[in-house]
Every structure is written in C-alpha cells, then in structure tokens.
Amino acid sequence: MPKHPTPTPVPGQLVHDRRTHRTGIYMDTIGGRLYLRPVGGGIEWTTRPEYVSLTPPTR
C-alpha cells in the first residue's frame, strides 16, 4: 500500500484530516502533532502529519 507523503502546511492553510474526516486551519506543529482549528472557529484538535492532506477533498 502506498504511503501518503508527509505534507508541509503553513500557518493559516486549509488542510483535511483524513482520520477525523474534518477540514481545519493549520495552526502549528508541536511535538510532532499538527494543531488544527475548525474553519468557523472553535476548539483546536491534534493529528499526526500522515493523516493530513493539503487540499481538502471535493464533492
């Protein structure tokens, strides 16, 4: 199975967390975890880099 490349987002960039199926704004990376904030505001969540896509999926 091919491994997804590890993305390198910049603060403020919209990303997609494939683990939670949520789209959020990249805030920072601390201790190897990416901190994402919901687009409309709210509580940040963390994820690992291998679960993040730089471009959210389209429907």
C-alpha atoms as a PDB file:
ATOM      1  CA  MET A   1       0.000   0.000   0.000  1.00  0.00           C
ATOM      2  CA  PRO A   2       1.485   3.395  -0.968  1.00  0.00           C
ATOM      3  CA  LYS A   3       2.271   5.725   1.891  1.00  0.00           C
ATOM      4  CA  HIS A   4       0.965   9.289   1.744  1.00  0.00           C
ATOM      5  CA  PRO A   5       3.731  11.885   1.567  1.00  0.00           C
ATOM      6  CA  THR A   6       4.082  13.979   4.701  1.00  0.00           C
ATOM      7  CA  PRO A   7       2.669  17.429   3.895  1.00  0.00           C
ATOM      8  CA  THR A   8       4.253  20.684   4.957  1.00  0.00           C
ATOM      9  CA  PRO A   9       1.424  23.129   5.650  1.00  0.00           C
ATOM     10  CA  VAL A  10       1.966  26.772   6.535  1.00  0.00           C
ATOM     11  CA  PRO A  11       0.041  28.528   9.331  1.00  0.00           C
ATOM     12  CA  GLY A  12      -3.390  29.577   8.124  1.00  0.00           C
ATOM     13  CA  GLN A  13      -3.531  26.942   5.376  1.00  0.00           C
ATOM     14  CA  LEU A  14      -6.671  24.869   4.966  1.00  0.00           C
ATOM     15  CA  VAL A  15      -5.998  21.137   5.387  1.00  0.00           C
ATOM     16  CA  HIS A  16      -8.016  17.939   5.624  1.00  0.00           C
ATOM     17  CA  ASP A  17      -7.624  15.447   8.483  1.00  0.00           C
ATOM     18  CA  ARG A  18      -8.322  12.045   6.897  1.00  0.00           C
ATOM     19  CA  ARG A  19      -8.513  10.379  10.329  1.00  0.00           C
ATOM     20  CA  THR A  20     -11.453  12.506  11.544  1.00  0.00           C
ATOM     21  CA  HIS A  21     -12.797  13.500   8.090  1.00  0.00           C
ATOM     22  CA  ARG A  22     -12.651  17.146   9.170  1.00  0.00           C
ATOM     23  CA  THR A  23     -11.269  20.194   7.408  1.00  0.00           C
ATOM     24  CA  GLY A  24      -9.425  22.737   9.512  1.00  0.00           C
ATOM     25  CA  ILE A  25      -6.944  25.569   9.535  1.00  0.00           C
ATOM     26  CA  TYR A  26      -3.377  24.568  10.306  1.00  0.00           C
ATOM     27  CA  MET A  27      -2.078  26.472  13.343  1.00  0.00           C
ATOM     28  CA  ASP A  28       1.246  24.898  14.394  1.00  0.00           C
ATOM     29  CA  THR A  29       3.228  21.700  14.910  1.00  0.00           C
ATOM     30  CA  ILE A  30       4.329  20.873  18.450  1.00  0.00           C
ATOM     31  CA  GLY A  31       5.952  17.600  19.434  1.00  0.00           C
ATOM     32  CA  GLY A  32       5.254  16.094  16.020  1.00  0.00           C
ATOM     33  CA  ARG A  33       1.490  16.733  16.276  1.00  0.00           C
ATOM     34  CA  LEU A  34      -0.315  19.171  13.992  1.00  0.00           C
ATOM     35  CA  TYR A  35      -2.745  21.556  15.662  1.00  0.00           C
ATOM     36  CA  LEU A  36      -5.827  22.325  13.586  1.00  0.00           C
ATOM     37  CA  ARG A  37      -8.712  24.703  14.269  1.00  0.00           C
ATOM     38  CA  PRO A  38     -12.222  24.373  12.816  1.00  0.00           C
ATOM     39  CA  VAL A  39     -12.901  26.748   9.924  1.00  0.00           C
ATOM     40  CA  GLY A  40     -15.752  28.543  11.745  1.00  0.00           C
ATOM     41  CA  GLY A  41     -13.754  28.784  14.982  1.00  0.00           C
ATOM     42  CA  GLY A  42     -13.787  26.514  17.980  1.00  0.00           C
ATOM     43  CA  ILE A  43     -11.514  24.190  19.874  1.00  0.00           C
ATOM     44  CA  GLU A  44      -8.301  23.013  18.246  1.00  0.00           C
ATOM     45  CA  TRP A  45      -7.629  19.344  17.737  1.00  0.00           C
ATOM     46  CA  THR A  46      -4.406  17.493  17.040  1.00  0.00           C
ATOM     47  CA  THR A  47      -3.489  14.935  14.438  1.00  0.00           C
ATOM     48  CA  ARG A  48      -0.408  13.247  13.065  1.00  0.00           C
ATOM     49  CA  PRO A  49       1.172  14.517   9.833  1.00  0.00           C
ATOM     50  CA  GLU A  50       0.496  11.295   7.914  1.00  0.00           C
ATOM     51  CA  TYR A  51      -3.274  11.868   8.256  1.00  0.00           C
ATOM     52  CA  VAL A  52      -3.221  15.370   6.734  1.00  0.00           C
ATOM     53  CA  SER A  53      -3.865  16.300   3.121  1.00  0.00           C
ATOM     54  CA  LEU A  54      -3.046  19.815   2.000  1.00  0.00           C
ATOM     55  CA  THR A  55      -6.061  20.017  -0.279  1.00  0.00           C
ATOM     56  CA  PRO A  56      -9.467  19.179   1.171  1.00  0.00           C
ATOM     57  CA  PRO A  57     -11.456  16.624  -0.824  1.00  0.00           C
ATOM     58  CA  THR A  58     -14.096  17.982  -3.205  1.00  0.00           C
ATOM     59  CA  ARG A  59     -17.588  16.583  -3.548  1.00  0.00           C
END
